[in-house]
Every structure is written in C-alpha cells, then in structure tokens.
Amino acid sequence: MKRLLSGLFRLIPSSVLRLGLFLANAKFNHGAVAVISNNEGHVLLLRHVFRKSYPWGFPSGFVNAGENASTAALRELKEETGLGAMVIHVGATTLVAPRHLETVVYGHIHTAAPINLSHEIFEARWVMPDQVSDDIVQGLHPDQFALLTAATDPEL
C-alpha cells in the first residue's frame, strides 16, 4: 500500500503539490516595531496618517520577504522619519492579532538629526516614557502603551 501511495504521489505535478502546501499551511503578516531612544532617554513616537483608532505609535511596518525584523525596523524608521539608528537588541515576537506577528526591535540614535516626515506620518515627538501627554496616551494602542511603559528600562 505504501508503494502504491508513493507512486501516485509522484505522479502529481510539483506545481500542484506546492499549491496544496501553500493552501494547507498558515499564513501570517510579520511586522516590526522600532522602539528608538536618544541620548536624553526620550523615545520616538509618531502620529500615523492611516491609523484611525490609535494614531500614535512607534515607527513600524511589515517585514518584507528576505528581511529580518531588525532590518525592517530600521528601514521603516528611515522611511517614516528619515532617521537612522543602531539596533541594541531584538525583543519578543508575539501574535498581536489573528495571523499577525510582531517583533519589537530596540534601537538608539546618537545624534539629534532633523526629522523628515513621510506622507504616512502627521507628527513626531520625542517623549519621556514616564511623562507622556494625555493626547498620546489616548491615541496609543494598549500593546504599544505597554512597550512605552517598558521603555523606562535603562538598557535602552
């Protein structure tokens, strides 16, 4: 019976097998979130154009094919603000919504470069994690608020 099944399996074109594997396996979006600090201990928060319920958050976006979370986070930071940073460490990857994974990348910017906002961003603010204005707190998703609260870690 095993020989018969394996013989039949070999008759299936590889393109059909790949399609079957694609359809049978879970698919996820993978996002990267950049928690970026400066020399004064501030972290960067952005007010995003395309986020209605929670417009405030960290620089973030999807991880492209062939990218890792660190590369994606630094790319999104550059695209959204024009800033460059160095990665300190990669935090946890969590399932934040059905079929949506998110990896937190902690980074640091050494110089006070000017911010050049993209069309995706209304506003950028450097804030002290423990002294955030109410408009930002109300506009932060609870997951991102937890990251902001954790950003008081001296390792950043």
N, C-alpha and C. Protein backbone atom coordinates (compact mmCIF):
# COMPACT_ATOMS: atom_id res chain seq x y z
N MET A 1 0.83 -1.19 0.00
CA MET A 1 0.00 0.00 0.00
C MET A 1 0.88 1.26 0.00
N LYS A 2 1.96 1.21 0.79
CA LYS A 2 2.87 2.35 0.86
C LYS A 2 3.46 2.66 -0.51
N ARG A 3 3.84 1.61 -1.26
CA ARG A 3 4.41 1.81 -2.60
C ARG A 3 3.39 2.40 -3.55
N LEU A 4 2.18 1.94 -3.44
CA LEU A 4 1.12 2.45 -4.31
C LEU A 4 0.89 3.94 -4.06
N LEU A 5 0.78 4.32 -2.79
CA LEU A 5 0.56 5.73 -2.45
C LEU A 5 1.74 6.60 -2.87
N SER A 6 2.94 6.12 -2.63
CA SER A 6 4.10 6.93 -3.02
C SER A 6 4.20 7.06 -4.54
N GLY A 7 3.83 6.02 -5.27
CA GLY A 7 3.82 6.09 -6.73
C GLY A 7 2.80 7.08 -7.24
N LEU A 8 1.61 7.07 -6.63
CA LEU A 8 0.58 8.04 -7.01
C LEU A 8 1.01 9.47 -6.67
N PHE A 9 1.64 9.62 -5.50
CA PHE A 9 2.12 10.93 -5.07
C PHE A 9 3.12 11.51 -6.09
N ARG A 10 3.99 10.66 -6.61
CA ARG A 10 4.99 11.12 -7.57
C ARG A 10 4.38 11.54 -8.90
N LEU A 11 3.17 11.09 -9.17
CA LEU A 11 2.50 11.47 -10.42
C LEU A 11 1.91 12.89 -10.37
N ILE A 12 1.77 13.42 -9.16
CA ILE A 12 1.19 14.76 -9.01
C ILE A 12 2.25 15.79 -9.40
N PRO A 13 1.91 16.72 -10.30
CA PRO A 13 2.89 17.75 -10.70
C PRO A 13 3.34 18.57 -9.49
N SER A 14 4.61 18.98 -9.49
CA SER A 14 5.17 19.73 -8.36
C SER A 14 4.44 21.05 -8.13
N SER A 15 3.95 21.69 -9.19
CA SER A 15 3.21 22.94 -9.02
C SER A 15 1.93 22.71 -8.23
N VAL A 16 1.27 21.58 -8.44
CA VAL A 16 0.05 21.26 -7.70
C VAL A 16 0.40 20.95 -6.24
N LEU A 17 1.51 20.26 -6.02
CA LEU A 17 1.96 20.00 -4.65
C LEU A 17 2.26 21.28 -3.90
N ARG A 18 2.97 22.21 -4.55
CA ARG A 18 3.30 23.49 -3.91
C ARG A 18 2.04 24.27 -3.58
N LEU A 19 1.06 24.27 -4.51
CA LEU A 19 -0.20 24.95 -4.25
C LEU A 19 -0.92 24.33 -3.06
N GLY A 20 -0.93 23.01 -3.00
CA GLY A 20 -1.55 22.32 -1.88
C GLY A 20 -0.88 22.66 -0.56
N LEU A 21 0.45 22.69 -0.55
CA LEU A 21 1.18 23.06 0.67
C LEU A 21 0.87 24.50 1.07
N PHE A 22 0.82 25.39 0.08
CA PHE A 22 0.51 26.79 0.36
C PHE A 22 -0.87 26.92 1.00
N LEU A 23 -1.86 26.24 0.41
CA LEU A 23 -3.23 26.34 0.92
C LEU A 23 -3.40 25.68 2.29
N ALA A 24 -2.62 24.64 2.56
CA ALA A 24 -2.77 23.88 3.79
C ALA A 24 -2.06 24.50 4.99
N ASN A 25 -1.11 25.41 4.74
CA ASN A 25 -0.33 25.98 5.84
C ASN A 25 -0.82 27.37 6.22
N ALA A 26 -0.59 27.70 7.48
CA ALA A 26 -0.99 29.01 8.00
C ALA A 26 -0.18 30.12 7.33
N LYS A 27 -0.82 31.27 7.17
CA LYS A 27 -0.15 32.45 6.62
C LYS A 27 -0.23 33.57 7.65
N PHE A 28 0.88 34.29 7.80
CA PHE A 28 0.95 35.36 8.78
C PHE A 28 1.54 36.61 8.14
N ASN A 29 1.10 37.76 8.64
CA ASN A 29 1.81 39.00 8.38
C ASN A 29 2.83 39.12 9.51
N HIS A 30 3.99 39.64 9.18
CA HIS A 30 5.02 39.84 10.20
C HIS A 30 5.40 41.32 10.19
N GLY A 31 5.18 41.98 11.31
CA GLY A 31 5.52 43.38 11.44
C GLY A 31 6.70 43.58 12.38
N ALA A 32 7.38 44.70 12.22
CA ALA A 32 8.48 45.08 13.11
C ALA A 32 8.16 46.44 13.71
N VAL A 33 8.38 46.57 15.00
CA VAL A 33 8.14 47.82 15.73
C VAL A 33 9.49 48.32 16.24
N ALA A 34 9.81 49.58 15.95
CA ALA A 34 11.09 50.16 16.37
C ALA A 34 10.89 51.06 17.59
N VAL A 35 11.40 50.62 18.73
CA VAL A 35 11.39 51.44 19.95
C VAL A 35 12.77 52.10 19.99
N ILE A 36 12.79 53.37 19.59
CA ILE A 36 14.05 54.10 19.41
C ILE A 36 14.21 55.13 20.51
N SER A 37 15.37 55.12 21.16
CA SER A 37 15.66 56.11 22.20
C SER A 37 16.79 57.02 21.74
N ASN A 38 16.92 58.16 22.44
CA ASN A 38 18.03 59.08 22.17
C ASN A 38 18.90 59.20 23.41
N ASN A 39 19.91 60.04 23.34
CA ASN A 39 20.86 60.19 24.46
C ASN A 39 20.22 60.74 25.72
N GLU A 40 19.11 61.44 25.59
CA GLU A 40 18.44 62.04 26.75
C GLU A 40 17.43 61.10 27.40
N GLY A 41 17.25 59.90 26.85
CA GLY A 41 16.29 58.95 27.41
C GLY A 41 14.89 59.07 26.85
N HIS A 42 14.71 59.92 25.85
CA HIS A 42 13.41 60.03 25.20
C HIS A 42 13.23 58.89 24.20
N VAL A 43 11.97 58.54 23.92
CA VAL A 43 11.67 57.59 22.86
C VAL A 43 10.83 58.29 21.80
N LEU A 44 10.93 57.80 20.58
CA LEU A 44 10.26 58.42 19.45
C LEU A 44 8.88 57.82 19.24
N LEU A 45 7.87 58.69 19.22
CA LEU A 45 6.51 58.28 18.89
C LEU A 45 6.03 59.08 17.69
N LEU A 46 5.22 58.43 16.86
CA LEU A 46 4.72 59.05 15.64
C LEU A 46 3.20 59.01 15.61
N ARG A 47 2.61 60.07 15.04
CA ARG A 47 1.16 60.08 14.80
C ARG A 47 0.96 59.71 13.34
N HIS A 48 0.43 58.51 13.11
CA HIS A 48 0.31 57.93 11.77
C HIS A 48 -0.95 58.39 11.05
N VAL A 49 -0.83 58.62 9.77
CA VAL A 49 -1.94 59.06 8.93
C VAL A 49 -3.01 57.97 8.79
N PHE A 50 -2.61 56.73 8.58
CA PHE A 50 -3.54 55.67 8.22
C PHE A 50 -4.07 54.86 9.40
N ARG A 51 -3.82 55.29 10.60
CA ARG A 51 -4.35 54.61 11.79
C ARG A 51 -5.44 55.46 12.40
N LYS A 52 -6.67 54.99 12.35
CA LYS A 52 -7.79 55.80 12.83
C LYS A 52 -8.02 55.66 14.33
N SER A 53 -8.12 54.44 14.83
CA SER A 53 -8.46 54.23 16.24
C SER A 53 -7.31 54.61 17.18
N TYR A 54 -6.11 54.24 16.80
CA TYR A 54 -4.93 54.50 17.62
C TYR A 54 -3.85 55.12 16.75
N PRO A 55 -3.92 56.44 16.53
CA PRO A 55 -2.97 57.06 15.59
C PRO A 55 -1.53 57.12 16.08
N TRP A 56 -1.32 57.14 17.39
CA TRP A 56 0.04 57.26 17.92
C TRP A 56 0.67 55.88 18.06
N GLY A 57 1.97 55.82 17.81
CA GLY A 57 2.69 54.57 17.98
C GLY A 57 4.14 54.72 17.59
N PHE A 58 4.85 53.66 17.71
CA PHE A 58 6.26 53.62 17.34
C PHE A 58 6.40 53.46 15.84
N PRO A 59 7.55 53.82 15.27
CA PRO A 59 7.78 53.53 13.86
C PRO A 59 7.62 52.02 13.66
N SER A 60 6.89 51.65 12.63
CA SER A 60 6.64 50.22 12.42
C SER A 60 6.17 49.96 11.01
N GLY A 61 6.20 48.69 10.64
CA GLY A 61 5.73 48.28 9.32
C GLY A 61 5.99 46.81 9.11
N PHE A 62 5.63 46.33 7.94
CA PHE A 62 5.75 44.91 7.63
C PHE A 62 7.19 44.54 7.30
N VAL A 63 7.54 43.33 7.65
CA VAL A 63 8.83 42.75 7.29
C VAL A 63 8.69 42.21 5.88
N ASN A 64 9.54 42.66 4.98
CA ASN A 64 9.50 42.20 3.59
C ASN A 64 10.17 40.84 3.46
N ALA A 65 9.86 40.15 2.38
CA ALA A 65 10.50 38.86 2.11
C ALA A 65 12.02 39.06 2.05
N GLY A 66 12.75 38.19 2.71
CA GLY A 66 14.21 38.27 2.73
C GLY A 66 14.77 39.21 3.78
N GLU A 67 13.92 39.87 4.54
CA GLU A 67 14.35 40.81 5.59
C GLU A 67 14.20 40.14 6.94
N ASN A 68 15.02 40.57 7.90
CA ASN A 68 14.76 40.18 9.28
C ASN A 68 14.11 41.37 9.99
N ALA A 69 13.67 41.16 11.21
CA ALA A 69 12.95 42.21 11.93
C ALA A 69 13.80 43.45 12.17
N SER A 70 15.08 43.28 12.45
CA SER A 70 15.97 44.42 12.69
C SER A 70 16.09 45.29 11.45
N THR A 71 16.33 44.66 10.32
CA THR A 71 16.45 45.40 9.06
C THR A 71 15.15 46.11 8.74
N ALA A 72 14.02 45.43 8.93
CA ALA A 72 12.72 46.03 8.65
C ALA A 72 12.44 47.23 9.56
N ALA A 73 12.76 47.10 10.85
CA ALA A 73 12.52 48.20 11.79
C ALA A 73 13.35 49.43 11.41
N LEU A 74 14.61 49.23 11.08
CA LEU A 74 15.47 50.36 10.69
C LEU A 74 15.01 50.95 9.35
N ARG A 75 14.56 50.10 8.43
CA ARG A 75 14.05 50.60 7.16
C ARG A 75 12.79 51.44 7.37
N GLU A 76 11.87 50.96 8.21
CA GLU A 76 10.65 51.72 8.49
C GLU A 76 10.96 53.04 9.18
N LEU A 77 11.90 53.04 10.12
CA LEU A 77 12.31 54.28 10.78
C LEU A 77 12.81 55.27 9.74
N LYS A 78 13.66 54.81 8.84
CA LYS A 78 14.23 55.68 7.78
C LYS A 78 13.13 56.18 6.85
N GLU A 79 12.24 55.29 6.42
CA GLU A 79 11.17 55.69 5.51
C GLU A 79 10.21 56.69 6.15
N GLU A 80 9.88 56.49 7.42
CA GLU A 80 8.87 57.33 8.07
C GLU A 80 9.42 58.64 8.62
N THR A 81 10.72 58.67 8.98
CA THR A 81 11.27 59.86 9.64
C THR A 81 12.56 60.39 9.02
N GLY A 82 13.20 59.60 8.18
CA GLY A 82 14.49 59.98 7.64
C GLY A 82 15.65 59.74 8.60
N LEU A 83 15.36 59.17 9.77
CA LEU A 83 16.39 58.95 10.78
C LEU A 83 17.05 57.58 10.63
N GLY A 84 18.29 57.50 11.05
CA GLY A 84 19.00 56.23 11.14
C GLY A 84 19.27 55.92 12.60
N ALA A 85 19.41 54.66 12.93
CA ALA A 85 19.67 54.26 14.31
C ALA A 85 20.46 52.96 14.29
N MET A 86 20.92 52.57 15.47
CA MET A 86 21.57 51.26 15.60
C MET A 86 20.70 50.38 16.48
N VAL A 87 20.68 49.11 16.19
CA VAL A 87 19.88 48.15 16.96
C VAL A 87 20.64 47.80 18.23
N ILE A 88 19.94 47.87 19.36
CA ILE A 88 20.50 47.45 20.65
C ILE A 88 20.21 45.97 20.86
N HIS A 89 18.95 45.61 20.73
CA HIS A 89 18.58 44.19 20.81
C HIS A 89 17.19 43.99 20.23
N VAL A 90 16.92 42.74 19.91
CA VAL A 90 15.61 42.36 19.37
C VAL A 90 14.81 41.76 20.52
N GLY A 91 13.62 42.29 20.71
CA GLY A 91 12.75 41.80 21.77
C GLY A 91 11.90 40.64 21.30
N ALA A 92 10.79 40.48 21.95
CA ALA A 92 9.91 39.34 21.70
C ALA A 92 9.15 39.48 20.39
N THR A 93 8.80 38.33 19.83
CA THR A 93 7.86 38.25 18.71
C THR A 93 6.58 37.69 19.29
N THR A 94 5.48 38.41 19.09
CA THR A 94 4.20 37.98 19.67
C THR A 94 3.11 38.00 18.61
N LEU A 95 2.08 37.23 18.84
CA LEU A 95 0.90 37.23 18.00
C LEU A 95 -0.01 38.33 18.54
N VAL A 96 -0.13 39.45 17.81
CA VAL A 96 -0.89 40.59 18.30
C VAL A 96 -2.32 40.61 17.78
N ALA A 97 -2.59 39.84 16.76
CA ALA A 97 -3.93 39.69 16.18
C ALA A 97 -3.91 38.37 15.43
N PRO A 98 -5.08 37.84 15.12
CA PRO A 98 -5.07 36.60 14.35
C PRO A 98 -4.24 36.78 13.07
N ARG A 99 -3.27 35.92 12.89
CA ARG A 99 -2.42 35.91 11.70
C ARG A 99 -1.51 37.13 11.58
N HIS A 100 -1.21 37.80 12.69
CA HIS A 100 -0.31 38.96 12.64
C HIS A 100 0.72 38.85 13.76
N LEU A 101 1.94 38.57 13.38
CA LEU A 101 3.07 38.52 14.32
C LEU A 101 3.76 39.88 14.33
N GLU A 102 4.29 40.24 15.49
CA GLU A 102 5.02 41.50 15.58
C GLU A 102 6.28 41.28 16.41
N THR A 103 7.40 41.79 15.90
CA THR A 103 8.67 41.71 16.61
C THR A 103 9.08 43.11 17.02
N VAL A 104 9.46 43.26 18.28
CA VAL A 104 9.90 44.55 18.80
C VAL A 104 11.42 44.63 18.69
N VAL A 105 11.89 45.72 18.10
CA VAL A 105 13.32 45.96 17.93
C VAL A 105 13.67 47.23 18.69
N TYR A 106 14.61 47.13 19.61
CA TYR A 106 15.04 48.28 20.40
C TYR A 106 16.28 48.88 19.76
N GLY A 107 16.27 50.19 19.59
CA GLY A 107 17.39 50.85 18.96
C GLY A 107 17.71 52.17 19.62
N HIS A 108 18.80 52.76 19.16
CA HIS A 108 19.27 54.02 19.74
C HIS A 108 19.81 54.92 18.63
N ILE A 109 19.48 56.20 18.76
CA ILE A 109 20.01 57.20 17.83
C ILE A 109 20.94 58.10 18.63
N HIS A 110 22.13 58.33 18.11
CA HIS A 110 23.13 59.09 18.88
C HIS A 110 23.07 60.59 18.63
N THR A 111 22.75 60.99 17.43
CA THR A 111 22.78 62.41 17.11
C THR A 111 21.37 62.96 16.94
N ALA A 112 21.25 64.23 17.14
CA ALA A 112 19.97 64.90 17.00
C ALA A 112 19.78 65.34 15.55
N ALA A 113 19.56 64.40 14.67
CA ALA A 113 19.35 64.71 13.26
C ALA A 113 17.94 65.27 13.07
N PRO A 114 17.75 66.09 12.05
CA PRO A 114 16.40 66.61 11.79
C PRO A 114 15.49 65.49 11.30
N ILE A 115 14.24 65.56 11.69
CA ILE A 115 13.26 64.56 11.27
C ILE A 115 12.60 65.03 9.98
N ASN A 116 12.53 64.15 9.01
CA ASN A 116 11.90 64.43 7.73
C ASN A 116 10.72 63.47 7.59
N LEU A 117 9.50 63.93 7.92
CA LEU A 117 8.33 63.07 7.96
C LEU A 117 7.88 62.66 6.56
N SER A 118 7.50 61.38 6.44
CA SER A 118 6.95 60.88 5.18
C SER A 118 5.47 61.22 5.10
N HIS A 119 4.86 60.87 3.97
CA HIS A 119 3.42 61.12 3.78
C HIS A 119 2.57 60.26 4.72
N GLU A 120 3.16 59.26 5.36
CA GLU A 120 2.43 58.37 6.27
C GLU A 120 2.33 58.92 7.69
N ILE A 121 3.06 60.00 7.98
CA ILE A 121 3.18 60.49 9.35
C ILE A 121 2.74 61.95 9.44
N PHE A 122 1.84 62.22 10.41
CA PHE A 122 1.41 63.60 10.68
C PHE A 122 2.42 64.34 11.55
N GLU A 123 2.93 63.63 12.58
CA GLU A 123 3.71 64.31 13.61
C GLU A 123 4.65 63.32 14.29
N ALA A 124 5.79 63.81 14.74
CA ALA A 124 6.74 63.00 15.51
C ALA A 124 7.05 63.74 16.81
N ARG A 125 7.17 62.99 17.89
CA ARG A 125 7.55 63.58 19.18
C ARG A 125 8.52 62.66 19.91
N TRP A 126 9.56 63.29 20.47
CA TRP A 126 10.44 62.59 21.41
C TRP A 126 9.83 62.79 22.78
N VAL A 127 9.53 61.71 23.49
CA VAL A 127 8.86 61.80 24.79
C VAL A 127 9.61 61.00 25.84
N MET A 128 9.51 61.45 27.07
CA MET A 128 9.99 60.65 28.20
C MET A 128 8.92 59.60 28.46
N PRO A 129 9.30 58.33 28.57
CA PRO A 129 8.30 57.27 28.71
C PRO A 129 7.36 57.44 29.90
N ASP A 130 7.84 58.07 30.97
CA ASP A 130 7.00 58.24 32.16
C ASP A 130 6.33 59.61 32.22
N GLN A 131 6.45 60.42 31.16
CA GLN A 131 5.84 61.75 31.14
C GLN A 131 5.19 62.02 29.78
N VAL A 132 4.21 61.21 29.43
CA VAL A 132 3.58 61.31 28.12
C VAL A 132 2.27 62.07 28.24
N SER A 133 2.03 62.99 27.32
CA SER A 133 0.81 63.79 27.36
C SER A 133 -0.43 62.92 27.12
N ASP A 134 -1.57 63.40 27.61
CA ASP A 134 -2.81 62.64 27.51
C ASP A 134 -3.23 62.35 26.07
N ASP A 135 -2.98 63.28 25.15
CA ASP A 135 -3.40 63.04 23.77
C ASP A 135 -2.67 61.84 23.18
N ILE A 136 -1.42 61.65 23.56
CA ILE A 136 -0.68 60.49 23.08
C ILE A 136 -1.17 59.22 23.78
N VAL A 137 -1.34 59.28 25.09
CA VAL A 137 -1.79 58.10 25.84
C VAL A 137 -3.12 57.60 25.28
N GLN A 138 -4.04 58.50 25.01
CA GLN A 138 -5.35 58.11 24.49
C GLN A 138 -5.26 57.58 23.06
N GLY A 139 -4.23 57.97 22.32
CA GLY A 139 -4.09 57.55 20.94
C GLY A 139 -3.15 56.37 20.74
N LEU A 140 -2.68 55.77 21.83
CA LEU A 140 -1.78 54.61 21.74
C LEU A 140 -2.56 53.32 21.92
N HIS A 141 -2.29 52.35 21.08
CA HIS A 141 -2.87 51.02 21.26
C HIS A 141 -2.34 50.45 22.57
N PRO A 142 -3.13 49.69 23.31
CA PRO A 142 -2.65 49.14 24.59
C PRO A 142 -1.33 48.37 24.48
N ASP A 143 -1.13 47.64 23.38
CA ASP A 143 0.14 46.92 23.21
C ASP A 143 1.31 47.89 23.12
N GLN A 144 1.11 48.99 22.40
CA GLN A 144 2.18 49.96 22.25
C GLN A 144 2.36 50.76 23.54
N PHE A 145 1.28 50.98 24.28
CA PHE A 145 1.41 51.66 25.57
C PHE A 145 2.26 50.80 26.51
N ALA A 146 2.09 49.49 26.47
CA ALA A 146 2.90 48.59 27.30
C ALA A 146 4.38 48.68 26.90
N LEU A 147 4.65 48.81 25.61
CA LEU A 147 6.04 48.98 25.16
C LEU A 147 6.61 50.30 25.66
N LEU A 148 5.79 51.34 25.62
CA LEU A 148 6.23 52.65 26.10
C LEU A 148 6.55 52.59 27.59
N THR A 149 5.68 51.96 28.35
CA THR A 149 5.91 51.81 29.79
C THR A 149 7.19 51.04 30.06
N ALA A 150 7.44 50.00 29.27
CA ALA A 150 8.65 49.19 29.45
C ALA A 150 9.90 49.93 28.99
N ALA A 151 9.73 51.00 28.20
CA ALA A 151 10.87 51.73 27.66
C ALA A 151 11.63 52.54 28.71
N THR A 152 11.18 52.52 29.95
CA THR A 152 11.93 53.18 31.02
C THR A 152 13.14 52.35 31.44
N ASP A 153 13.29 51.18 30.83
CA ASP A 153 14.44 50.29 31.10
C ASP A 153 15.73 51.02 30.76
N PRO A 154 16.68 51.07 31.66
CA PRO A 154 17.95 51.78 31.39
C PRO A 154 18.78 51.15 30.28
N GLU A 155 18.44 49.91 29.85
CA GLU A 155 19.16 49.26 28.75
C GLU A 155 18.92 49.96 27.44
N LEU A 156 17.82 50.72 27.34
CA LEU A 156 17.55 51.47 26.11
C LEU A 156 18.48 52.63 26.07
